[in-house]
Amino acid sequence: MNGFILCPDWPAHARVRAAQTLRFGGVSRGAFASLNVGTHVGDDPDAVAENRARVRHTLDLPSEPLWLTQMHGIDVADAHARPDTCTDADSDRSPAADAIVTRLAGKVCVIQTADCLPVLLAHQDGTCVAAAHAGWRGLCAGVLEATVQALGEPAERLIAWLGPAIGPDAFEVGDEVRAAFLAHDTRAASAFVSNARGRWQADLYLLARQRLLAMGLEQIHGGGLCTAADSGRFFSHRRDGASGRMATLIWLDP
């Protein structure tokens, strides 16, 4: 597979296909160089279209990915209700959602990130899959719980993969973020380490693992790839300000 794609390392069923794009291998320039897949960040639309076409070609995708309008919330879209031609430029057809699920072969679920945590879910038997955009707001509000509920399967029958996100050494937050997580579960305190500035270094990977484990989902893979620390491979909004977006994709083969 082409070098601008990262393959999740997890024991998913043979029907489950998944991939994570990196920042190189595309045609975008400047702050968006080079494989930016986001149409909403100020990049040249023609460059984004070419980048998305390269992803489709490289992965030999069965259909156009079902792009979402992400809102840092907990709404979950169902790919069954989505046309294959939908792009996030189609504001009347691209729902505001931060996760997407499917049981249908050939429907490509996708989310975009540039520091937020991408989470992929799959049933152990390969009957359904999902992708969730878990920035701290969505994670705190319950986007992972909402995604598992939308799949309609016992959490213990699912496996998860945590993709590249901003790591705890780079993710500094204030008291209000820590308080919001602790209001849900005091065990979240272990994911926050105080720093010399009187603020907190937050561990998104650990916070996501805690939420998944609390639901009974124990097969959790990935995590630990910091977007902010690796400018060669990953876009990072917090590191760079203006930034492209990477895609995390999952779909089912027939």
C-alpha atoms as a PDB file:
ATOM      1  CA  MET A   1       0.000   0.000   0.000  1.00  0.00           C
ATOM      2  CA  ASN A   2       1.163   3.557  -0.721  1.00  0.00           C
ATOM      3  CA  GLY A   3       3.332   5.187   1.920  1.00  0.00           C
ATOM      4  CA  PHE A   4       0.857   7.980   2.675  1.00  0.00           C
ATOM      5  CA  ILE A   5      -1.556   5.518   4.275  1.00  0.00           C
ATOM      6  CA  LEU A   6      -1.300   4.068   7.785  1.00  0.00           C
ATOM      7  CA  CYS A   7      -3.014   0.710   8.340  1.00  0.00           C
ATOM      8  CA  PRO A   8      -4.549   0.191  11.804  1.00  0.00           C
ATOM      9  CA  ASP A   9      -2.865  -2.589  13.737  1.00  0.00           C
ATOM     10  CA  TRP A  10      -5.801  -4.426  15.252  1.00  0.00           C
ATOM     11  CA  PRO A  11      -7.324  -7.919  14.973  1.00  0.00           C
ATOM     12  CA  ALA A  12     -10.367  -6.886  12.985  1.00  0.00           C
ATOM     13  CA  HIS A  13     -12.463  -9.405  11.039  1.00  0.00           C
ATOM     14  CA  ALA A  14     -11.374 -10.031   7.445  1.00  0.00           C
ATOM     15  CA  ARG A  15     -14.422  -8.111   6.157  1.00  0.00           C
ATOM     16  CA  VAL A  16     -13.361  -4.971   7.986  1.00  0.00           C
ATOM     17  CA  ARG A  17     -11.132  -2.594   6.045  1.00  0.00           C
ATOM     18  CA  ALA A  18      -9.656   0.529   7.613  1.00  0.00           C
ATOM     19  CA  ALA A  19      -7.035   3.164   6.869  1.00  0.00           C
ATOM     20  CA  GLN A  20      -5.591   6.397   8.201  1.00  0.00           C
ATOM     21  CA  THR A  21      -4.206   9.021   5.819  1.00  0.00           C
ATOM     22  CA  LEU A  22      -1.026  10.924   6.626  1.00  0.00           C
ATOM     23  CA  ARG A  23      -0.187  14.487   5.623  1.00  0.00           C
ATOM     24  CA  PHE A  24       1.986  13.751   2.566  1.00  0.00           C
ATOM     25  CA  GLY A  25       1.251  12.351  -0.882  1.00  0.00           C
ATOM     26  CA  GLY A  26      -1.114  15.060  -2.100  1.00  0.00           C
ATOM     27  CA  VAL A  27      -1.085  18.296  -4.108  1.00  0.00           C
ATOM     28  CA  SER A  28      -2.088  20.964  -1.573  1.00  0.00           C
ATOM     29  CA  ARG A  29       0.390  23.758  -0.849  1.00  0.00           C
ATOM     30  CA  GLY A  30       1.464  25.961   2.024  1.00  0.00           C
ATOM     31  CA  ALA A  31      -0.124  25.268   5.394  1.00  0.00           C
ATOM     32  CA  PHE A  32      -2.198  22.495   3.795  1.00  0.00           C
ATOM     33  CA  ALA A  33       0.700  20.614   2.216  1.00  0.00           C
ATOM     34  CA  SER A  34       0.094  18.132   0.976  1.00  0.00           C
ATOM     35  CA  LEU A  35      -2.699  15.515   1.416  1.00  0.00           C
ATOM     36  CA  ASN A  36      -5.363  17.730   2.965  1.00  0.00           C
ATOM     37  CA  VAL A  37      -8.828  16.146   2.644  1.00  0.00           C
ATOM     38  CA  GLY A  38     -10.774  18.935   4.381  1.00  0.00           C
ATOM     39  CA  THR A  39     -12.880  21.279   2.261  1.00  0.00           C
ATOM     40  CA  HIS A  40     -13.635  23.607   5.194  1.00  0.00           C
ATOM     41  CA  VAL A  41     -10.132  24.820   6.121  1.00  0.00           C
ATOM     42  CA  GLY A  42      -9.476  27.346   3.339  1.00  0.00           C
ATOM     43  CA  ASP A  43      -7.574  25.129   0.904  1.00  0.00           C
ATOM     44  CA  ASP A  44      -8.008  25.197  -2.885  1.00  0.00           C
ATOM     45  CA  PRO A  45     -11.119  23.065  -3.598  1.00  0.00           C
ATOM     46  CA  ASP A  46      -9.509  21.576  -6.699  1.00  0.00           C
ATOM     47  CA  ALA A  47      -6.519  20.443  -4.663  1.00  0.00           C
ATOM     48  CA  VAL A  48      -8.782  18.843  -2.051  1.00  0.00           C
ATOM     49  CA  ALA A  49     -10.734  17.064  -4.783  1.00  0.00           C
ATOM     50  CA  GLU A  50      -7.497  15.663  -6.211  1.00  0.00           C
ATOM     51  CA  ASN A  51      -6.310  14.605  -2.760  1.00  0.00           C
ATOM     52  CA  ARG A  52      -9.554  12.771  -2.091  1.00  0.00           C
ATOM     53  CA  ALA A  53      -9.329  11.103  -5.499  1.00  0.00           C
ATOM     54  CA  ARG A  54      -5.835   9.874  -4.628  1.00  0.00           C
ATOM     55  CA  VAL A  55      -7.115   8.375  -1.400  1.00  0.00           C
ATOM     56  CA  ARG A  56      -9.948   6.630  -3.234  1.00  0.00           C
ATOM     57  CA  HIS A  57      -7.564   5.275  -5.864  1.00  0.00           C
ATOM     58  CA  THR A  58      -4.874   4.132  -3.451  1.00  0.00           C
ATOM     59  CA  LEU A  59      -7.332   2.331  -1.188  1.00  0.00           C
ATOM     60  CA  ASP A  60      -9.462   1.091  -4.100  1.00  0.00           C
ATOM     61  CA  LEU A  61     -12.511   2.274  -2.196  1.00  0.00           C
ATOM     62  CA  PRO A  62     -15.851   0.736  -3.158  1.00  0.00           C
ATOM     63  CA  SER A  63     -17.614   4.132  -3.024  1.00  0.00           C
ATOM     64  CA  GLU A  64     -17.093   7.796  -2.233  1.00  0.00           C
ATOM     65  CA  PRO A  65     -16.449   8.193   1.508  1.00  0.00           C
ATOM     66  CA  LEU A  66     -19.448   9.561   3.381  1.00  0.00           C
ATOM     67  CA  TRP A  67     -18.058  12.895   4.573  1.00  0.00           C
ATOM     68  CA  LEU A  68     -19.672  14.547   7.604  1.00  0.00           C
ATOM     69  CA  THR A  69     -20.016  18.133   8.768  1.00  0.00           C
ATOM     70  CA  GLN A  70     -18.331  17.686  12.158  1.00  0.00           C
ATOM     71  CA  MET A  71     -19.531  19.823  15.064  1.00  0.00           C
ATOM     72  CA  HIS A  72     -17.644  18.499  18.140  1.00  0.00           C
ATOM     73  CA  GLY A  73     -20.908  16.973  19.306  1.00  0.00           C
ATOM     74  CA  ILE A  74     -22.348  13.486  19.796  1.00  0.00           C
ATOM     75  CA  ASP A  75     -24.740  13.061  16.861  1.00  0.00           C
ATOM     76  CA  VAL A  76     -24.277   9.818  14.916  1.00  0.00           C
ATOM     77  CA  ALA A  77     -25.139   9.412  11.227  1.00  0.00           C
ATOM     78  CA  ASP A  78     -26.242   6.137   9.651  1.00  0.00           C
ATOM     79  CA  ALA A  79     -24.574   5.368   6.327  1.00  0.00           C
ATOM     80  CA  HIS A  80     -27.726   3.533   5.228  1.00  0.00           C
ATOM     81  CA  ALA A  81     -29.414   6.903   4.786  1.00  0.00           C
ATOM     82  CA  ARG A  82     -26.520   8.555   2.919  1.00  0.00           C
ATOM     83  CA  PRO A  83     -26.097   8.852  -0.878  1.00  0.00           C
ATOM     84  CA  ASP A  84     -22.715   7.643  -2.142  1.00  0.00           C
ATOM     85  CA  THR A  85     -22.070  10.957  -3.906  1.00  0.00           C
ATOM     86  CA  CYS A  86     -22.324  13.063  -0.764  1.00  0.00           C
ATOM     87  CA  THR A  87     -19.449  15.417   0.055  1.00  0.00           C
ATOM     88  CA  ASP A  88     -19.166  17.894   2.879  1.00  0.00           C
ATOM     89  CA  ALA A  89     -19.640  20.658   0.328  1.00  0.00           C
ATOM     90  CA  ASP A  90     -23.222  19.410   0.004  1.00  0.00           C
ATOM     91  CA  SER A  91     -24.552  21.263   3.023  1.00  0.00           C
ATOM     92  CA  ASP A  92     -28.105  20.084   2.405  1.00  0.00           C
ATOM     93  CA  ARG A  93     -27.074  16.428   2.268  1.00  0.00           C
ATOM     94  CA  SER A  94     -24.092  16.174   4.603  1.00  0.00           C
ATOM     95  CA  PRO A  95     -25.426  15.880   8.149  1.00  0.00           C
ATOM     96  CA  ALA A  96     -23.932  17.617  11.140  1.00  0.00           C
ATOM     97  CA  ALA A  97     -22.567  14.593  12.992  1.00  0.00           C
ATOM     98  CA  ASP A  98     -19.389  13.447  14.663  1.00  0.00           C
ATOM     99  CA  ALA A  99     -19.716   9.728  14.104  1.00  0.00           C
ATOM    100  CA  ILE A 100     -21.062   7.407  11.455  1.00  0.00           C
ATOM    101  CA  VAL A 101     -22.076   3.727  11.530  1.00  0.00           C
ATOM    102  CA  THR A 102     -22.898   1.131   8.917  1.00  0.00           C
ATOM    103  CA  ARG A 103     -23.861  -2.513   8.463  1.00  0.00           C
ATOM    104  CA  LEU A 104     -23.777  -2.270   4.679  1.00  0.00           C
ATOM    105  CA  ALA A 105     -20.894  -3.535   2.578  1.00  0.00           C
ATOM    106  CA  GLY A 106     -19.306  -0.859   0.399  1.00  0.00           C
ATOM    107  CA  LYS A 107     -20.345   2.162   2.458  1.00  0.00           C
ATOM    108  CA  VAL A 108     -17.175   4.015   3.482  1.00  0.00           C
ATOM    109  CA  CYS A 109     -17.381   5.771   6.845  1.00  0.00           C
ATOM    110  CA  VAL A 110     -14.907   8.596   7.378  1.00  0.00           C
ATOM    111  CA  ILE A 111     -14.030  11.322   9.834  1.00  0.00           C
ATOM    112  CA  GLN A 112     -11.476  14.129   9.606  1.00  0.00           C
ATOM    113  CA  THR A 113      -9.012  15.157  12.291  1.00  0.00           C
ATOM    114  CA  ALA A 114      -5.941  17.292  12.947  1.00  0.00           C
ATOM    115  CA  ASP A 115      -5.406  16.695  16.702  1.00  0.00           C
ATOM    116  CA  CYS A 116      -8.784  15.327  17.802  1.00  0.00           C
ATOM    117  CA  LEU A 117      -8.877  11.583  18.413  1.00  0.00           C
ATOM    118  CA  PRO A 118     -10.255   9.341  15.648  1.00  0.00           C
ATOM    119  CA  VAL A 119     -11.824   6.151  16.993  1.00  0.00           C
ATOM    120  CA  LEU A 120     -12.780   3.179  14.847  1.00  0.00           C
ATOM    121  CA  LEU A 121     -15.150   0.489  16.087  1.00  0.00           C
ATOM    122  CA  ALA A 122     -15.925  -2.891  14.579  1.00  0.00           C
ATOM    123  CA  HIS A 123     -17.937  -5.913  15.608  1.00  0.00           C
ATOM    124  CA  GLN A 124     -15.798  -8.978  16.204  1.00  0.00           C
ATOM    125  CA  ASP A 125     -17.849 -10.856  13.600  1.00  0.00           C
ATOM    126  CA  GLY A 126     -17.438  -8.148  10.955  1.00  0.00           C
ATOM    127  CA  THR A 127     -21.141  -7.288  10.818  1.00  0.00           C
ATOM    128  CA  CYS A 128     -20.929  -3.554  11.534  1.00  0.00           C
ATOM    129  CA  VAL A 129     -18.389  -0.738  11.818  1.00  0.00           C
ATOM    130  CA  ALA A 130     -18.227   2.885  12.927  1.00  0.00           C
ATOM    131  CA  ALA A 131     -15.937   5.904  12.964  1.00  0.00           C
ATOM    132  CA  ALA A 132     -16.095   8.597  15.656  1.00  0.00           C
ATOM    133  CA  HIS A 133     -14.529  12.048  15.967  1.00  0.00           C
ATOM    134  CA  ALA A 134     -13.515  12.361  19.617  1.00  0.00           C
ATOM    135  CA  GLY A 135     -12.157  15.789  20.364  1.00  0.00           C
ATOM    136  CA  TRP A 136     -12.257  16.634  24.046  1.00  0.00           C
ATOM    137  CA  ARG A 137     -15.697  18.241  23.801  1.00  0.00           C
ATOM    138  CA  GLY A 138     -17.291  15.321  22.012  1.00  0.00           C
ATOM    139  CA  LEU A 139     -15.470  12.771  24.117  1.00  0.00           C
ATOM    140  CA  CYS A 140     -16.593  14.470  27.312  1.00  0.00           C
ATOM    141  CA  ALA A 141     -20.173  14.807  26.070  1.00  0.00           C
ATOM    142  CA  GLY A 142     -20.409  11.112  25.169  1.00  0.00           C
ATOM    143  CA  VAL A 143     -19.709  10.656  21.454  1.00  0.00           C
ATOM    144  CA  LEU A 144     -18.238   7.184  22.023  1.00  0.00           C
ATOM    145  CA  GLU A 145     -21.209   6.084  24.098  1.00  0.00           C
ATOM    146  CA  ALA A 146     -23.574   7.436  21.423  1.00  0.00           C
ATOM    147  CA  THR A 147     -21.689   5.584  18.690  1.00  0.00           C
ATOM    148  CA  VAL A 148     -21.784   2.261  20.515  1.00  0.00           C
ATOM    149  CA  GLN A 149     -25.489   2.770  21.147  1.00  0.00           C
ATOM    150  CA  ALA A 150     -26.072   3.502  17.449  1.00  0.00           C
ATOM    151  CA  LEU A 151     -24.355   0.243  16.508  1.00  0.00           C
ATOM    152  CA  GLY A 152     -26.879  -1.578  18.662  1.00  0.00           C
ATOM    153  CA  GLU A 153     -24.441  -4.275  19.742  1.00  0.00           C
ATOM    154  CA  PRO A 154     -23.076  -5.241  23.176  1.00  0.00           C
ATOM    155  CA  ALA A 155     -19.892  -3.281  23.779  1.00  0.00           C
ATOM    156  CA  GLU A 156     -18.052  -6.446  24.786  1.00  0.00           C
ATOM    157  CA  ARG A 157     -18.531  -7.740  21.227  1.00  0.00           C
ATOM    158  CA  LEU A 158     -16.767  -4.717  19.706  1.00  0.00           C
ATOM    159  CA  ILE A 159     -13.127  -3.861  19.153  1.00  0.00           C
ATOM    160  CA  ALA A 160     -11.688  -0.351  18.944  1.00  0.00           C
ATOM    161  CA  TRP A 161      -8.715   1.377  17.354  1.00  0.00           C
ATOM    162  CA  LEU A 162      -7.464   4.766  18.539  1.00  0.00           C
ATOM    163  CA  GLY A 163      -5.823   6.751  15.758  1.00  0.00           C
ATOM    164  CA  PRO A 164      -3.308   9.616  15.800  1.00  0.00           C
ATOM    165  CA  ALA A 165      -4.224  12.499  18.118  1.00  0.00           C
ATOM    166  CA  ILE A 166      -2.534  15.190  20.128  1.00  0.00           C
ATOM    167  CA  GLY A 167      -0.590  13.513  22.920  1.00  0.00           C
ATOM    168  CA  PRO A 168      -0.512  14.404  26.613  1.00  0.00           C
ATOM    169  CA  ASP A 169       2.862  16.146  26.373  1.00  0.00           C
ATOM    170  CA  ALA A 170       1.394  18.640  23.881  1.00  0.00           C
ATOM    171  CA  PHE A 171      -2.240  18.926  24.974  1.00  0.00           C
ATOM    172  CA  GLU A 172      -2.499  21.621  27.637  1.00  0.00           C
ATOM    173  CA  VAL A 173      -5.965  22.448  28.992  1.00  0.00           C
ATOM    174  CA  GLY A 174      -7.496  24.559  31.728  1.00  0.00           C
ATOM    175  CA  ASP A 175      -9.357  23.679  34.910  1.00  0.00           C
ATOM    176  CA  GLU A 176     -12.698  23.760  33.115  1.00  0.00           C
ATOM    177  CA  VAL A 177     -11.790  20.845  30.845  1.00  0.00           C
ATOM    178  CA  ARG A 178     -10.598  18.683  33.721  1.00  0.00           C
ATOM    179  CA  ALA A 179     -13.680  19.575  35.779  1.00  0.00           C
ATOM    180  CA  ALA A 180     -15.992  18.598  32.918  1.00  0.00           C
ATOM    181  CA  PHE A 181     -14.488  15.110  32.705  1.00  0.00           C
ATOM    182  CA  LEU A 182     -14.395  14.616  36.456  1.00  0.00           C
ATOM    183  CA  ALA A 183     -18.070  15.571  36.671  1.00  0.00           C
ATOM    184  CA  HIS A 184     -18.770  12.484  34.573  1.00  0.00           C
ATOM    185  CA  ASP A 185     -16.307  10.154  36.315  1.00  0.00           C
ATOM    186  CA  THR A 186     -13.798  11.016  39.002  1.00  0.00           C
ATOM    187  CA  ARG A 187     -11.469   8.337  37.647  1.00  0.00           C
ATOM    188  CA  ALA A 188     -10.702  10.734  34.802  1.00  0.00           C
ATOM    189  CA  ALA A 189      -8.361  12.534  37.209  1.00  0.00           C
ATOM    190  CA  SER A 190      -5.630  10.056  36.258  1.00  0.00           C
ATOM    191  CA  ALA A 191      -5.659  11.457  32.708  1.00  0.00           C
ATOM    192  CA  PHE A 192      -4.627  14.955  33.834  1.00  0.00           C
ATOM    193  CA  VAL A 193      -1.164  15.970  35.069  1.00  0.00           C
ATOM    194  CA  SER A 194      -0.548  19.442  36.446  1.00  0.00           C
ATOM    195  CA  ASN A 195       2.183  21.536  34.813  1.00  0.00           C
ATOM    196  CA  ALA A 196       4.348  24.457  35.881  1.00  0.00           C
ATOM    197  CA  ARG A 197       1.902  26.958  34.358  1.00  0.00           C
ATOM    198  CA  GLY A 198      -0.900  25.972  36.688  1.00  0.00           C
ATOM    199  CA  ARG A 199      -2.717  24.130  33.910  1.00  0.00           C
ATOM    200  CA  TRP A 200      -3.095  20.476  32.949  1.00  0.00           C
ATOM    201  CA  GLN A 201      -1.619  18.073  30.405  1.00  0.00           C
ATOM    202  CA  ALA A 202      -4.547  15.958  29.217  1.00  0.00           C
ATOM    203  CA  ASP A 203      -4.315  12.403  27.865  1.00  0.00           C
ATOM    204  CA  LEU A 204      -7.049  11.941  25.238  1.00  0.00           C
ATOM    205  CA  TYR A 205      -6.014   8.333  24.656  1.00  0.00           C
ATOM    206  CA  LEU A 206      -6.502   7.443  28.309  1.00  0.00           C
ATOM    207  CA  LEU A 207      -9.784   9.353  28.535  1.00  0.00           C
ATOM    208  CA  ALA A 208     -11.110   7.415  25.530  1.00  0.00           C
ATOM    209  CA  ARG A 209      -9.923   4.105  26.962  1.00  0.00           C
ATOM    210  CA  GLN A 210     -11.694   4.871  30.233  1.00  0.00           C
ATOM    211  CA  ARG A 211     -14.955   5.581  28.434  1.00  0.00           C
ATOM    212  CA  LEU A 212     -14.718   2.436  26.324  1.00  0.00           C
ATOM    213  CA  LEU A 213     -13.806   0.231  29.265  1.00  0.00           C
ATOM    214  CA  ALA A 214     -16.685   1.653  31.305  1.00  0.00           C
ATOM    215  CA  MET A 215     -19.046   0.412  28.590  1.00  0.00           C
ATOM    216  CA  GLY A 216     -17.495  -3.062  28.669  1.00  0.00           C
ATOM    217  CA  LEU A 217     -15.398  -2.686  25.513  1.00  0.00           C
ATOM    218  CA  GLU A 218     -12.050  -4.220  26.452  1.00  0.00           C
ATOM    219  CA  GLN A 219     -10.379  -4.864  23.094  1.00  0.00           C
ATOM    220  CA  ILE A 220      -8.761  -1.469  22.547  1.00  0.00           C
ATOM    221  CA  HIS A 221      -5.837  -1.022  20.184  1.00  0.00           C
ATOM    222  CA  GLY A 222      -3.741   1.862  18.890  1.00  0.00           C
ATOM    223  CA  GLY A 223      -3.141   5.141  20.673  1.00  0.00           C
ATOM    224  CA  GLY A 224       0.141   6.874  21.366  1.00  0.00           C
ATOM    225  CA  LEU A 225       0.762   8.509  17.961  1.00  0.00           C
ATOM    226  CA  CYS A 226       1.009  12.237  18.718  1.00  0.00           C
ATOM    227  CA  THR A 227      -0.016  14.537  15.886  1.00  0.00           C
ATOM    228  CA  ALA A 228       1.647  17.597  17.417  1.00  0.00           C
ATOM    229  CA  ALA A 229       5.006  15.881  17.890  1.00  0.00           C
ATOM    230  CA  ASP A 230       5.315  14.491  14.346  1.00  0.00           C
ATOM    231  CA  SER A 231       5.114  17.294  11.791  1.00  0.00           C
ATOM    232  CA  GLY A 232       6.431  15.008   9.072  1.00  0.00           C
ATOM    233  CA  ARG A 233       3.483  12.631   9.147  1.00  0.00           C
ATOM    234  CA  PHE A 234       0.563  14.429  10.768  1.00  0.00           C
ATOM    235  CA  PHE A 235      -1.403  17.645  10.476  1.00  0.00           C
ATOM    236  CA  SER A 236      -1.839  19.444  13.811  1.00  0.00           C
ATOM    237  CA  HIS A 237      -4.125  22.424  14.289  1.00  0.00           C
ATOM    238  CA  ARG A 238      -2.739  23.221  17.732  1.00  0.00           C
ATOM    239  CA  ARG A 239       0.853  23.094  16.484  1.00  0.00           C
ATOM    240  CA  ASP A 240       0.390  25.002  13.232  1.00  0.00           C
ATOM    241  CA  GLY A 241      -2.844  26.998  13.443  1.00  0.00           C
ATOM    242  CA  ALA A 242      -3.908  26.840   9.791  1.00  0.00           C
ATOM    243  CA  SER A 243      -3.771  23.151   8.998  1.00  0.00           C
ATOM    244  CA  GLY A 244      -5.065  20.459   6.719  1.00  0.00           C
ATOM    245  CA  ARG A 245      -7.124  17.487   7.821  1.00  0.00           C
ATOM    246  CA  MET A 246      -6.427  13.760   7.731  1.00  0.00           C
ATOM    247  CA  ALA A 247      -9.012  11.065   7.056  1.00  0.00           C
ATOM    248  CA  THR A 248      -9.729   7.969   9.135  1.00  0.00           C
ATOM    249  CA  LEU A 249     -11.779   5.508   7.107  1.00  0.00           C
ATOM    250  CA  ILE A 250     -13.536   2.207   7.731  1.00  0.00           C
ATOM    251  CA  TRP A 251     -15.791   0.021   5.590  1.00  0.00           C
ATOM    252  CA  LEU A 252     -17.011  -3.536   5.106  1.00  0.00           C
ATOM    253  CA  ASP A 253     -16.144  -5.806   2.214  1.00  0.00           C
ATOM    254  CA  PRO A 254     -18.932  -8.053   0.890  1.00  0.00           C
END
